[in-house]
Structure formats: structure tokens, C-alpha cells
Amino acid sequence: MQPITVTVGPLATASDNSIAAAQDPAAAGDLTLTSTVVTLDTPRRVIITSASDDSAFTFTVYGTGFSDQVISEQITGANIGIASSVLDYKTVTRVYVNGNCGSVKVGTNGIAGSRWVRLDSWANAETAIQCNRTGTADYTHQLTMDDPNDPFSPVSVADVSWLDTSDSAAVTTNIDVFTSFSFTPTFARLLLNSGTGSASATFAQFNVSNK
């Protein structure tokens, strides 16, 4: 297998109102965004900050992901706090709330995921992985067996369950790490948890025939 490298970061400074300034919706409907299409510096998480108890309300975020595919998810509002997306948005085109919630604003935090790496389930399980970081980036190596493209039991992109790798050295770390898989997950990625700079991972799976 020709090695595959994915990188996450660096991120622009987080802003809790870069997508929608503070507003107090009077009824269910779309929030007013800062522009018709809000383009983020890189695909990253979206946060909704609530000034009151919005836990009874659902916010639906619409936009695009890494490859300009249309994505969306529902986020339950927070009780005087922050609720975060699980998907990484390249653009946000709409945020809908299903009722007259309290004052809210929409923006970004310092968290982002890398592109997903699809491993070959028919090749050898062994995979060498080298993780590197720049600056003060803190990252976690994650994997999943869920597959949105499975012909029999697909899992929606927003419902994919990402688990931290079993190698604790590659979980919430700010150092370079060499690790490996002795089994084959369906997808793998890096999650940038905090800090400045970037994190990258290079995957080399054995006995994969490149075409």
C-alpha cells in the first residue's frame, strides 16, 4: 500500500459567533447567519452557545464537508452552555431551531477531525501508523467499524461511533507517536483536541495492491 497521509489543523482562532451572531428567535425557524454561506477556514466543529436553558430544543445544522458533500445533523441545545456538532463543516448554509429558544449564537471551537482513511478489509490487518504534530497541537488517534456506505447496515455519517485507539500513547497527546494496528478498522482519523499547530498521520497497510 502506498502510504496515505491525513492532516488536521492549523485552525484559525475559535469564535463563538462567527457563523451566527447572538439572537433571540421568537419562533421555530432559521437563525440569521453572518452570510448566506459561511465558509470556515478548514473543516471543523460547529458550536451553539445558549444563554439560557435550551435543552428542550433541537438545532439542525446544514452545510458541506471535506469533499463538498452535503451534510447535516441535529444538535440538542445546552442548558446555559455550549453544544457541539460531531461533524466537521467546511461550510454552513443553514441552522434551524425547532422553537422559540433563548438567546443563542453559533460559531467554532478549537476542535476538528481529519479526513477519514478507509482501510482495506481484504488485505493484511497489520498497519503501520506514524503520527506527527507541529506547535502545541494535542490530538487523538480514532477508529471505527461503522460504515455509511455499507450495503446492508449503513450508519449515517452523524451517527458513526468513533473510538479512541487502544494505544494510550496516541490518545490526548502532544508528542510524535509511532503506532500500529493488529486488526483492521473500517475507518481511521485524527481528532485535534486543542492547541495551535497541526497533527498528521501516515498509514501504511500491508498487502494492499495499489491500482
N, C-alpha and C. Protein backbone atom coordinates (compact mmCIF):
# COMPACT_ATOMS: atom_id res chain seq x y z
N MET A 1 0.84 -1.20 0.00
CA MET A 1 0.00 0.00 0.00
C MET A 1 0.87 1.25 0.00
N GLN A 2 0.60 2.12 -0.92
CA GLN A 2 1.28 3.41 -0.88
C GLN A 2 0.79 4.17 0.34
N PRO A 3 1.69 4.70 1.17
CA PRO A 3 1.25 5.37 2.40
C PRO A 3 0.25 6.49 2.12
N ILE A 4 -0.71 6.62 3.01
CA ILE A 4 -1.72 7.67 2.94
C ILE A 4 -1.54 8.59 4.14
N THR A 5 -1.45 9.89 3.90
CA THR A 5 -1.27 10.86 4.98
C THR A 5 -2.47 11.79 5.06
N VAL A 6 -2.96 12.00 6.27
CA VAL A 6 -4.02 12.98 6.52
C VAL A 6 -3.52 13.97 7.56
N THR A 7 -4.00 15.20 7.45
CA THR A 7 -3.57 16.26 8.36
C THR A 7 -4.78 17.03 8.85
N VAL A 8 -4.75 17.44 10.11
CA VAL A 8 -5.79 18.30 10.66
C VAL A 8 -5.12 19.50 11.32
N GLY A 9 -5.64 20.71 11.02
CA GLY A 9 -5.05 21.94 11.53
C GLY A 9 -4.01 22.47 10.55
N PRO A 10 -3.47 23.66 10.84
CA PRO A 10 -3.83 24.51 11.98
C PRO A 10 -5.20 25.15 11.79
N LEU A 11 -5.81 25.55 12.88
CA LEU A 11 -7.13 26.18 12.87
C LEU A 11 -7.00 27.67 13.13
N ALA A 12 -7.86 28.44 12.49
CA ALA A 12 -7.96 29.86 12.81
C ALA A 12 -8.50 29.98 14.24
N THR A 13 -8.29 31.12 14.85
CA THR A 13 -8.76 31.33 16.22
C THR A 13 -10.25 31.08 16.32
N ALA A 14 -10.65 30.31 17.33
CA ALA A 14 -12.07 30.00 17.51
C ALA A 14 -12.87 31.27 17.77
N SER A 15 -14.12 31.27 17.29
CA SER A 15 -15.02 32.41 17.51
C SER A 15 -16.42 31.86 17.73
N ASP A 16 -17.04 32.20 18.86
CA ASP A 16 -18.35 31.63 19.17
C ASP A 16 -19.51 32.29 18.43
N ASN A 17 -19.23 33.32 17.64
CA ASN A 17 -20.31 33.99 16.89
C ASN A 17 -19.96 34.22 15.42
N SER A 18 -19.00 33.46 14.91
CA SER A 18 -18.56 33.66 13.52
C SER A 18 -19.57 33.15 12.50
N ILE A 19 -20.47 32.27 12.92
CA ILE A 19 -21.47 31.72 12.00
C ILE A 19 -22.80 32.42 12.15
N ALA A 20 -23.18 32.72 13.38
CA ALA A 20 -24.42 33.47 13.64
C ALA A 20 -24.22 34.30 14.90
N ALA A 21 -24.44 35.60 14.79
CA ALA A 21 -24.32 36.49 15.94
C ALA A 21 -25.46 36.21 16.92
N ALA A 22 -25.31 36.66 18.16
CA ALA A 22 -26.32 36.41 19.19
C ALA A 22 -27.68 36.91 18.73
N GLN A 23 -28.70 36.08 18.92
CA GLN A 23 -30.07 36.41 18.53
C GLN A 23 -31.04 35.63 19.39
N ASP A 24 -32.28 36.12 19.42
CA ASP A 24 -33.31 35.55 20.29
C ASP A 24 -34.50 35.16 19.44
N PRO A 25 -34.51 33.94 18.88
CA PRO A 25 -35.59 33.53 17.97
C PRO A 25 -36.96 33.59 18.65
N ALA A 26 -37.94 34.17 17.96
CA ALA A 26 -39.29 34.30 18.51
C ALA A 26 -40.14 33.07 18.22
N ALA A 27 -39.67 32.23 17.29
CA ALA A 27 -40.42 31.03 16.91
C ALA A 27 -39.48 30.08 16.20
N ALA A 28 -39.98 28.90 15.88
CA ALA A 28 -39.18 27.96 15.11
C ALA A 28 -38.81 28.56 13.76
N GLY A 29 -37.59 28.27 13.30
CA GLY A 29 -37.17 28.80 12.01
C GLY A 29 -35.66 28.84 11.90
N ASP A 30 -35.19 29.42 10.81
CA ASP A 30 -33.75 29.50 10.57
C ASP A 30 -33.14 30.66 11.34
N LEU A 31 -31.97 30.43 11.91
CA LEU A 31 -31.21 31.53 12.50
C LEU A 31 -30.63 32.39 11.40
N THR A 32 -30.37 33.64 11.70
CA THR A 32 -29.74 34.54 10.74
C THR A 32 -28.23 34.36 10.81
N LEU A 33 -27.65 33.91 9.69
CA LEU A 33 -26.22 33.68 9.65
C LEU A 33 -25.46 34.95 9.30
N THR A 34 -24.17 34.95 9.51
CA THR A 34 -23.35 36.12 9.21
C THR A 34 -23.19 36.34 7.72
N SER A 35 -23.46 35.31 6.92
CA SER A 35 -23.51 35.44 5.46
C SER A 35 -24.38 34.31 4.93
N THR A 36 -24.78 34.40 3.67
CA THR A 36 -25.66 33.39 3.10
C THR A 36 -25.04 32.00 3.21
N VAL A 37 -23.76 31.90 2.89
CA VAL A 37 -22.99 30.68 3.09
C VAL A 37 -21.76 31.05 3.91
N VAL A 38 -21.62 30.46 5.08
CA VAL A 38 -20.47 30.74 5.93
C VAL A 38 -19.39 29.70 5.63
N THR A 39 -18.25 30.16 5.11
CA THR A 39 -17.14 29.27 4.79
C THR A 39 -16.11 29.33 5.91
N LEU A 40 -15.80 28.18 6.48
CA LEU A 40 -14.85 28.12 7.57
C LEU A 40 -13.43 27.97 7.03
N ASP A 41 -12.44 28.25 7.87
CA ASP A 41 -11.04 28.22 7.41
C ASP A 41 -10.62 26.82 7.01
N THR A 42 -11.18 25.81 7.66
CA THR A 42 -10.92 24.40 7.36
C THR A 42 -12.08 23.63 7.97
N PRO A 43 -12.40 22.43 7.49
CA PRO A 43 -13.49 21.69 8.12
C PRO A 43 -13.24 21.53 9.62
N ARG A 44 -14.25 21.90 10.43
CA ARG A 44 -14.09 21.90 11.88
C ARG A 44 -15.46 21.85 12.56
N ARG A 45 -15.46 21.73 13.88
CA ARG A 45 -16.70 21.60 14.62
C ARG A 45 -17.44 22.95 14.71
N VAL A 46 -18.75 22.83 14.81
CA VAL A 46 -19.62 23.98 14.98
C VAL A 46 -20.19 23.93 16.39
N ILE A 47 -20.22 25.05 17.08
CA ILE A 47 -20.79 25.09 18.43
C ILE A 47 -21.97 26.05 18.48
N ILE A 48 -22.92 25.72 19.33
CA ILE A 48 -24.09 26.56 19.59
C ILE A 48 -24.05 26.94 21.06
N THR A 49 -23.97 28.24 21.34
CA THR A 49 -23.87 28.73 22.71
C THR A 49 -25.21 29.29 23.15
N SER A 50 -25.73 28.74 24.23
CA SER A 50 -27.05 29.13 24.74
C SER A 50 -26.91 29.96 26.01
N ALA A 51 -27.64 31.08 26.07
CA ALA A 51 -27.60 31.94 27.25
C ALA A 51 -28.59 31.48 28.31
N SER A 52 -29.51 30.58 27.94
CA SER A 52 -30.49 30.06 28.89
C SER A 52 -30.64 28.56 28.67
N ASP A 53 -31.64 27.94 29.25
CA ASP A 53 -31.82 26.50 29.12
C ASP A 53 -32.50 26.17 27.80
N ASP A 54 -31.72 25.68 26.84
CA ASP A 54 -32.24 25.30 25.52
C ASP A 54 -32.25 23.79 25.34
N SER A 55 -32.21 23.04 26.45
CA SER A 55 -32.11 21.59 26.35
C SER A 55 -33.37 20.94 25.77
N ALA A 56 -34.47 21.71 25.69
CA ALA A 56 -35.70 21.16 25.10
C ALA A 56 -35.78 21.44 23.60
N PHE A 57 -34.78 22.11 23.06
CA PHE A 57 -34.80 22.50 21.65
C PHE A 57 -33.73 21.75 20.86
N THR A 58 -34.02 21.57 19.57
CA THR A 58 -33.09 20.91 18.66
C THR A 58 -32.66 21.88 17.57
N PHE A 59 -31.37 21.95 17.35
CA PHE A 59 -30.81 22.79 16.29
C PHE A 59 -30.31 21.85 15.19
N THR A 60 -30.71 22.12 13.96
CA THR A 60 -30.25 21.32 12.83
C THR A 60 -29.29 22.15 12.00
N VAL A 61 -28.07 21.67 11.88
CA VAL A 61 -27.03 22.37 11.13
C VAL A 61 -26.91 21.73 9.75
N TYR A 62 -26.92 22.55 8.71
CA TYR A 62 -26.77 22.09 7.34
C TYR A 62 -25.51 22.72 6.75
N GLY A 63 -24.82 21.98 5.90
CA GLY A 63 -23.63 22.53 5.26
C GLY A 63 -22.97 21.51 4.37
N THR A 64 -21.66 21.65 4.22
CA THR A 64 -20.88 20.71 3.42
C THR A 64 -19.66 20.25 4.21
N GLY A 65 -19.13 19.08 3.80
CA GLY A 65 -17.97 18.51 4.45
C GLY A 65 -16.71 18.61 3.62
N PHE A 66 -15.75 17.74 3.89
CA PHE A 66 -14.43 17.80 3.25
C PHE A 66 -14.49 17.83 1.73
N SER A 67 -15.30 16.97 1.16
CA SER A 67 -15.34 16.84 -0.30
C SER A 67 -16.54 17.54 -0.91
N ASP A 68 -17.02 18.56 -0.21
CA ASP A 68 -18.17 19.36 -0.65
C ASP A 68 -19.47 18.56 -0.66
N GLN A 69 -19.48 17.39 0.01
CA GLN A 69 -20.72 16.64 0.11
C GLN A 69 -21.65 17.33 1.10
N VAL A 70 -22.96 17.25 0.85
CA VAL A 70 -23.94 17.86 1.74
C VAL A 70 -24.03 17.04 3.02
N ILE A 71 -23.93 17.69 4.17
CA ILE A 71 -24.05 17.01 5.46
C ILE A 71 -24.98 17.81 6.36
N SER A 72 -25.54 17.15 7.35
CA SER A 72 -26.38 17.82 8.34
C SER A 72 -26.46 16.96 9.58
N GLU A 73 -26.82 17.58 10.69
CA GLU A 73 -27.02 16.83 11.93
C GLU A 73 -27.89 17.64 12.87
N GLN A 74 -28.50 16.94 13.81
CA GLN A 74 -29.31 17.58 14.84
C GLN A 74 -28.52 17.65 16.14
N ILE A 75 -28.55 18.81 16.77
CA ILE A 75 -27.81 19.06 18.00
C ILE A 75 -28.79 19.51 19.07
N THR A 76 -28.80 18.85 20.20
CA THR A 76 -29.65 19.26 21.31
C THR A 76 -29.02 20.46 21.99
N GLY A 77 -29.83 21.49 22.25
CA GLY A 77 -29.32 22.70 22.86
C GLY A 77 -28.80 22.46 24.27
N ALA A 78 -27.94 23.35 24.73
CA ALA A 78 -27.34 23.23 26.06
C ALA A 78 -28.15 24.02 27.08
N ASN A 79 -27.93 23.70 28.34
CA ASN A 79 -28.53 24.44 29.45
C ASN A 79 -27.51 25.46 29.94
N ILE A 80 -27.60 26.65 29.39
CA ILE A 80 -26.65 27.74 29.68
C ILE A 80 -25.23 27.23 29.45
N GLY A 81 -24.91 27.00 28.20
CA GLY A 81 -23.60 26.47 27.88
C GLY A 81 -23.44 26.24 26.39
N ILE A 82 -22.58 25.30 26.05
CA ILE A 82 -22.20 25.07 24.66
C ILE A 82 -22.57 23.66 24.24
N ALA A 83 -23.19 23.54 23.07
CA ALA A 83 -23.45 22.25 22.44
C ALA A 83 -22.64 22.20 21.14
N SER A 84 -22.02 21.06 20.86
CA SER A 84 -21.11 20.96 19.72
C SER A 84 -21.60 19.94 18.70
N SER A 85 -21.26 20.18 17.45
CA SER A 85 -21.51 19.21 16.40
C SER A 85 -20.55 18.05 16.56
N VAL A 86 -20.88 16.93 15.92
CA VAL A 86 -19.94 15.81 15.86
C VAL A 86 -19.30 15.74 14.48
N LEU A 87 -19.86 16.47 13.52
CA LEU A 87 -19.31 16.51 12.17
C LEU A 87 -18.44 17.74 11.99
N ASP A 88 -17.57 17.68 11.00
CA ASP A 88 -16.69 18.81 10.67
C ASP A 88 -17.23 19.49 9.42
N TYR A 89 -17.49 20.79 9.54
CA TYR A 89 -18.14 21.55 8.47
C TYR A 89 -17.14 22.44 7.74
N LYS A 90 -17.15 22.31 6.43
CA LYS A 90 -16.37 23.20 5.56
C LYS A 90 -17.16 24.48 5.33
N THR A 91 -18.47 24.32 5.14
CA THR A 91 -19.37 25.47 5.03
C THR A 91 -20.61 25.18 5.87
N VAL A 92 -21.26 26.25 6.31
CA VAL A 92 -22.56 26.16 6.97
C VAL A 92 -23.54 27.00 6.16
N THR A 93 -24.63 26.38 5.74
CA THR A 93 -25.59 27.07 4.88
C THR A 93 -26.90 27.40 5.60
N ARG A 94 -27.13 26.72 6.74
CA ARG A 94 -28.40 26.92 7.43
C ARG A 94 -28.31 26.32 8.83
N VAL A 95 -28.94 27.01 9.80
CA VAL A 95 -29.10 26.47 11.15
C VAL A 95 -30.56 26.69 11.54
N TYR A 96 -31.28 25.59 11.74
CA TYR A 96 -32.72 25.66 12.04
C TYR A 96 -32.95 25.26 13.50
N VAL A 97 -33.80 26.02 14.20
CA VAL A 97 -34.18 25.68 15.57
C VAL A 97 -35.68 25.39 15.59
N ASN A 98 -36.08 24.40 16.35
CA ASN A 98 -37.48 23.95 16.29
C ASN A 98 -38.40 24.63 17.29
N GLY A 99 -38.00 25.78 17.83
CA GLY A 99 -38.87 26.51 18.75
C GLY A 99 -38.27 27.84 19.14
N ASN A 100 -38.99 28.57 20.01
CA ASN A 100 -38.54 29.90 20.43
C ASN A 100 -37.58 29.78 21.62
N CYS A 101 -36.39 29.37 21.32
CA CYS A 101 -35.36 29.19 22.34
C CYS A 101 -34.90 30.55 22.85
N GLY A 102 -34.00 30.51 23.82
CA GLY A 102 -33.45 31.76 24.33
C GLY A 102 -32.38 32.31 23.41
N SER A 103 -31.62 33.26 23.89
CA SER A 103 -30.57 33.88 23.08
C SER A 103 -29.48 32.85 22.75
N VAL A 104 -29.15 32.77 21.46
CA VAL A 104 -28.12 31.82 21.02
C VAL A 104 -27.19 32.47 20.02
N LYS A 105 -26.01 31.91 19.90
CA LYS A 105 -25.07 32.30 18.86
C LYS A 105 -24.36 31.04 18.38
N VAL A 106 -23.84 31.09 17.15
CA VAL A 106 -23.24 29.91 16.54
C VAL A 106 -21.84 30.26 16.05
N GLY A 107 -20.90 29.40 16.36
CA GLY A 107 -19.53 29.66 15.94
C GLY A 107 -18.69 28.41 15.94
N THR A 108 -17.43 28.54 16.31
CA THR A 108 -16.49 27.42 16.27
C THR A 108 -15.72 27.32 17.58
N ASN A 109 -15.16 26.13 17.82
CA ASN A 109 -14.24 25.95 18.94
C ASN A 109 -12.87 25.53 18.38
N GLY A 110 -12.04 24.94 19.19
CA GLY A 110 -10.70 24.57 18.73
C GLY A 110 -10.56 23.11 18.40
N ILE A 111 -11.67 22.45 18.01
CA ILE A 111 -11.67 21.02 17.75
C ILE A 111 -11.98 20.75 16.28
N ALA A 112 -11.30 19.78 15.70
CA ALA A 112 -11.55 19.40 14.31
C ALA A 112 -11.05 17.98 14.07
N GLY A 113 -11.69 17.29 13.14
CA GLY A 113 -11.24 15.97 12.75
C GLY A 113 -10.58 16.02 11.38
N SER A 114 -9.71 15.05 11.13
CA SER A 114 -9.07 14.96 9.81
C SER A 114 -10.01 14.26 8.84
N ARG A 115 -9.59 14.17 7.60
CA ARG A 115 -10.29 13.30 6.65
C ARG A 115 -10.25 11.87 7.17
N TRP A 116 -11.21 11.07 6.73
CA TRP A 116 -11.24 9.67 7.13
C TRP A 116 -10.34 8.86 6.20
N VAL A 117 -9.65 7.88 6.76
CA VAL A 117 -8.85 6.95 5.97
C VAL A 117 -9.58 5.61 5.95
N ARG A 118 -9.91 5.13 4.74
CA ARG A 118 -10.59 3.84 4.59
C ARG A 118 -9.54 2.75 4.49
N LEU A 119 -9.54 1.83 5.45
CA LEU A 119 -8.63 0.69 5.42
C LEU A 119 -9.22 -0.43 4.56
N ASP A 120 -8.36 -1.32 4.08
CA ASP A 120 -8.78 -2.41 3.20
C ASP A 120 -9.08 -3.65 4.04
N SER A 121 -10.37 -4.01 4.12
CA SER A 121 -10.78 -5.15 4.95
C SER A 121 -10.31 -6.49 4.39
N TRP A 122 -9.86 -6.50 3.13
CA TRP A 122 -9.45 -7.75 2.49
C TRP A 122 -7.94 -7.92 2.46
N ALA A 123 -7.21 -6.92 2.92
CA ALA A 123 -5.75 -7.01 2.96
C ALA A 123 -5.29 -7.48 4.33
N ASN A 124 -3.99 -7.59 4.51
CA ASN A 124 -3.46 -7.94 5.82
C ASN A 124 -3.89 -6.90 6.85
N ALA A 125 -4.13 -7.36 8.06
CA ALA A 125 -4.61 -6.43 9.09
C ALA A 125 -3.53 -5.45 9.53
N GLU A 126 -2.27 -5.88 9.51
CA GLU A 126 -1.20 -5.05 10.07
C GLU A 126 -1.07 -3.72 9.32
N THR A 127 -1.05 -2.65 10.08
CA THR A 127 -0.92 -1.31 9.51
C THR A 127 0.02 -0.49 10.37
N ALA A 128 1.04 0.09 9.76
CA ALA A 128 1.96 0.97 10.47
C ALA A 128 1.44 2.40 10.39
N ILE A 129 1.50 3.12 11.49
CA ILE A 129 0.98 4.49 11.54
C ILE A 129 1.99 5.39 12.24
N GLN A 130 2.33 6.46 11.57
CA GLN A 130 3.21 7.46 12.18
C GLN A 130 2.43 8.75 12.36
N CYS A 131 2.36 9.22 13.61
CA CYS A 131 1.64 10.47 13.93
C CYS A 131 2.66 11.54 14.29
N ASN A 132 2.52 12.69 13.67
CA ASN A 132 3.40 13.82 13.95
C ASN A 132 2.57 15.06 14.25
N ARG A 133 3.13 15.96 15.01
CA ARG A 133 2.41 17.19 15.29
C ARG A 133 3.36 18.38 15.21
N THR A 134 2.79 19.55 14.99
CA THR A 134 3.55 20.79 14.99
C THR A 134 2.95 21.71 16.06
N GLY A 135 3.74 22.66 16.52
CA GLY A 135 3.25 23.60 17.52
C GLY A 135 2.87 22.90 18.81
N THR A 136 1.74 23.30 19.36
CA THR A 136 1.26 22.73 20.62
C THR A 136 0.03 21.86 20.41
N ALA A 137 -0.16 21.37 19.19
CA ALA A 137 -1.35 20.58 18.89
C ALA A 137 -1.45 19.34 19.78
N ASP A 138 -2.64 19.15 20.35
CA ASP A 138 -2.95 17.97 21.15
C ASP A 138 -3.96 17.16 20.34
N TYR A 139 -3.69 15.87 20.11
CA TYR A 139 -4.54 15.10 19.21
C TYR A 139 -4.81 13.71 19.76
N THR A 140 -5.79 13.03 19.17
CA THR A 140 -6.13 11.65 19.50
C THR A 140 -6.34 10.88 18.21
N HIS A 141 -5.80 9.67 18.15
CA HIS A 141 -5.99 8.79 17.01
C HIS A 141 -7.27 7.98 17.26
N GLN A 142 -8.22 8.04 16.31
CA GLN A 142 -9.50 7.38 16.50
C GLN A 142 -9.81 6.40 15.36
N LEU A 143 -10.71 5.47 15.64
CA LEU A 143 -11.10 4.49 14.63
C LEU A 143 -12.55 4.08 14.82
N THR A 144 -13.11 3.45 13.80
CA THR A 144 -14.49 2.97 13.86
C THR A 144 -14.67 1.78 12.94
N MET A 145 -15.64 0.95 13.28
CA MET A 145 -16.06 -0.14 12.41
C MET A 145 -17.34 0.22 11.66
N ASP A 146 -17.93 1.36 11.97
CA ASP A 146 -19.15 1.79 11.29
C ASP A 146 -18.84 2.21 9.86
N ASP A 147 -19.81 2.06 8.98
CA ASP A 147 -19.60 2.38 7.57
C ASP A 147 -20.87 2.97 6.96
N PRO A 148 -20.86 4.25 6.64
CA PRO A 148 -22.04 4.86 6.00
C PRO A 148 -22.34 4.26 4.63
N ASN A 149 -21.36 3.58 4.02
CA ASN A 149 -21.55 3.01 2.68
C ASN A 149 -21.85 1.51 2.71
N ASP A 150 -22.03 0.95 3.88
CA ASP A 150 -22.31 -0.48 3.97
C ASP A 150 -23.63 -0.79 3.26
N PRO A 151 -23.66 -1.78 2.36
CA PRO A 151 -24.87 -2.05 1.59
C PRO A 151 -25.98 -2.70 2.41
N PHE A 152 -25.65 -3.23 3.58
CA PHE A 152 -26.64 -3.93 4.38
C PHE A 152 -27.00 -3.20 5.68
N SER A 153 -26.00 -2.64 6.33
CA SER A 153 -26.25 -1.96 7.61
C SER A 153 -25.53 -0.61 7.66
N PRO A 154 -25.92 0.31 6.78
CA PRO A 154 -25.25 1.61 6.78
C PRO A 154 -25.55 2.41 8.05
N VAL A 155 -24.58 3.19 8.48
CA VAL A 155 -24.72 4.08 9.63
C VAL A 155 -24.60 5.50 9.10
N SER A 156 -25.52 6.36 9.47
CA SER A 156 -25.45 7.73 8.98
C SER A 156 -24.14 8.37 9.43
N VAL A 157 -23.65 9.31 8.64
CA VAL A 157 -22.35 9.94 8.94
C VAL A 157 -22.36 10.55 10.34
N ALA A 158 -23.47 11.18 10.72
CA ALA A 158 -23.55 11.83 12.03
C ALA A 158 -23.61 10.84 13.17
N ASP A 159 -23.97 9.57 12.89
CA ASP A 159 -24.11 8.57 13.94
C ASP A 159 -22.92 7.60 14.02
N VAL A 160 -21.91 7.82 13.20
CA VAL A 160 -20.72 6.97 13.27
C VAL A 160 -20.09 7.09 14.67
N SER A 161 -19.79 5.95 15.26
CA SER A 161 -19.20 5.93 16.60
C SER A 161 -17.69 5.85 16.51
N TRP A 162 -17.03 6.94 16.85
CA TRP A 162 -15.57 6.99 16.82
C TRP A 162 -15.02 6.65 18.20
N LEU A 163 -14.09 5.70 18.24
CA LEU A 163 -13.48 5.27 19.49
C LEU A 163 -11.99 5.58 19.48
N ASP A 164 -11.46 5.90 20.64
CA ASP A 164 -10.03 6.16 20.74
C ASP A 164 -9.25 4.86 20.50
N THR A 165 -8.10 4.98 19.88
CA THR A 165 -7.25 3.82 19.66
C THR A 165 -6.88 3.15 20.98
N SER A 166 -6.59 1.86 20.93
CA SER A 166 -6.21 1.13 22.14
C SER A 166 -4.80 1.47 22.61
N ASP A 167 -4.03 2.16 21.77
CA ASP A 167 -2.68 2.58 22.15
C ASP A 167 -2.79 3.92 22.89
N SER A 168 -2.66 3.88 24.20
CA SER A 168 -2.85 5.09 25.01
C SER A 168 -1.84 6.18 24.67
N ALA A 169 -0.72 5.81 24.07
CA ALA A 169 0.29 6.81 23.70
C ALA A 169 -0.21 7.75 22.62
N ALA A 170 -1.24 7.32 21.86
CA ALA A 170 -1.77 8.13 20.77
C ALA A 170 -3.13 8.73 21.13
N VAL A 171 -3.41 8.84 22.43
CA VAL A 171 -4.67 9.41 22.91
C VAL A 171 -4.38 10.66 23.73
N THR A 172 -4.97 11.77 23.34
CA THR A 172 -4.78 13.06 24.04
C THR A 172 -3.29 13.30 24.28
N THR A 173 -2.55 13.42 23.19
CA THR A 173 -1.11 13.56 23.28
C THR A 173 -0.62 14.74 22.46
N ASN A 174 0.51 15.28 22.83
CA ASN A 174 1.12 16.37 22.07
C ASN A 174 2.56 16.03 21.68
N ILE A 175 2.80 14.73 21.47
CA ILE A 175 4.12 14.28 21.02
C ILE A 175 3.95 13.44 19.75
N ASP A 176 5.06 13.22 19.05
CA ASP A 176 5.04 12.34 17.88
C ASP A 176 4.96 10.90 18.35
N VAL A 177 4.19 10.08 17.62
CA VAL A 177 3.95 8.70 18.05
C VAL A 177 4.04 7.77 16.85
N PHE A 178 4.70 6.63 17.02
CA PHE A 178 4.63 5.55 16.04
C PHE A 178 3.79 4.45 16.65
N THR A 179 2.73 4.04 15.95
CA THR A 179 1.84 3.03 16.47
C THR A 179 1.46 2.08 15.34
N SER A 180 0.54 1.17 15.60
CA SER A 180 0.17 0.20 14.57
C SER A 180 -1.20 -0.39 14.87
N PHE A 181 -1.79 -1.01 13.85
CA PHE A 181 -3.00 -1.80 14.01
C PHE A 181 -2.63 -3.27 13.85
N SER A 182 -3.15 -4.13 14.72
CA SER A 182 -3.02 -5.56 14.52
C SER A 182 -4.36 -6.13 14.05
N PHE A 183 -5.30 -5.24 13.82
CA PHE A 183 -6.62 -5.57 13.30
C PHE A 183 -6.98 -4.47 12.31
N THR A 184 -8.08 -4.62 11.60
CA THR A 184 -8.42 -3.66 10.56
C THR A 184 -9.73 -2.93 10.87
N PRO A 185 -9.68 -1.69 11.32
CA PRO A 185 -10.91 -0.92 11.45
C PRO A 185 -11.41 -0.54 10.07
N THR A 186 -12.63 -0.09 9.99
CA THR A 186 -13.16 0.35 8.70
C THR A 186 -12.57 1.70 8.32
N PHE A 187 -12.59 2.64 9.26
CA PHE A 187 -12.03 3.97 9.03
C PHE A 187 -11.14 4.36 10.21
N ALA A 188 -10.20 5.27 9.95
CA ALA A 188 -9.38 5.85 11.00
C ALA A 188 -9.24 7.35 10.71
N ARG A 189 -8.93 8.11 11.73
CA ARG A 189 -8.74 9.55 11.57
C ARG A 189 -7.96 10.09 12.76
N LEU A 190 -7.61 11.38 12.71
CA LEU A 190 -7.06 12.10 13.85
C LEU A 190 -8.07 13.14 14.31
N LEU A 191 -8.17 13.32 15.61
CA LEU A 191 -9.00 14.37 16.18
C LEU A 191 -8.10 15.38 16.86
N LEU A 192 -8.14 16.62 16.39
CA LEU A 192 -7.38 17.70 17.01
C LEU A 192 -8.18 18.19 18.21
N ASN A 193 -7.64 17.99 19.42
CA ASN A 193 -8.37 18.32 20.64
C ASN A 193 -8.22 19.77 21.06
N SER A 194 -7.01 20.30 20.90
CA SER A 194 -6.73 21.65 21.38
C SER A 194 -5.35 22.07 20.90
N GLY A 195 -4.98 23.29 21.25
CA GLY A 195 -3.65 23.79 20.93
C GLY A 195 -3.56 24.42 19.56
N THR A 196 -2.39 24.94 19.26
CA THR A 196 -2.12 25.53 17.95
C THR A 196 -1.22 24.59 17.17
N GLY A 197 -1.22 24.76 15.86
CA GLY A 197 -0.41 23.88 15.02
C GLY A 197 -1.28 22.82 14.39
N SER A 198 -0.67 21.71 13.99
CA SER A 198 -1.39 20.66 13.27
C SER A 198 -0.94 19.29 13.72
N ALA A 199 -1.72 18.29 13.32
CA ALA A 199 -1.35 16.89 13.56
C ALA A 199 -1.56 16.12 12.27
N SER A 200 -0.69 15.17 11.99
CA SER A 200 -0.81 14.37 10.78
C SER A 200 -0.57 12.91 11.11
N ALA A 201 -1.14 12.04 10.29
CA ALA A 201 -0.93 10.60 10.45
C ALA A 201 -0.69 9.99 9.09
N THR A 202 0.33 9.15 9.00
CA THR A 202 0.63 8.42 7.77
C THR A 202 0.36 6.94 8.01
N PHE A 203 -0.48 6.34 7.14
CA PHE A 203 -0.90 4.95 7.29
C PHE A 203 -0.28 4.12 6.16
N ALA A 204 0.29 2.97 6.52
CA ALA A 204 0.80 2.02 5.53
C ALA A 204 0.28 0.64 5.90
N GLN A 205 -0.70 0.15 5.13
CA GLN A 205 -1.27 -1.16 5.39
C GLN A 205 -0.61 -2.20 4.51
N PHE A 206 -0.32 -3.35 5.05
CA PHE A 206 0.42 -4.36 4.33
C PHE A 206 -0.48 -5.18 3.41
N ASN A 207 0.11 -5.58 2.27
CA ASN A 207 -0.54 -6.46 1.29
C ASN A 207 -1.74 -5.82 0.61
N VAL A 208 -1.68 -4.49 0.43
CA VAL A 208 -2.70 -3.81 -0.34
C VAL A 208 -2.14 -3.59 -1.73
N SER A 209 -2.92 -3.95 -2.74
CA SER A 209 -2.48 -3.79 -4.13
C SER A 209 -3.00 -2.45 -4.66
N ASN A 210 -2.07 -1.55 -4.93
CA ASN A 210 -2.46 -0.26 -5.49
C ASN A 210 -2.71 -0.39 -6.99
N LYS A 211 -3.79 0.21 -7.43
CA LYS A 211 -4.13 0.14 -8.85
C LYS A 211 -4.23 1.53 -9.43
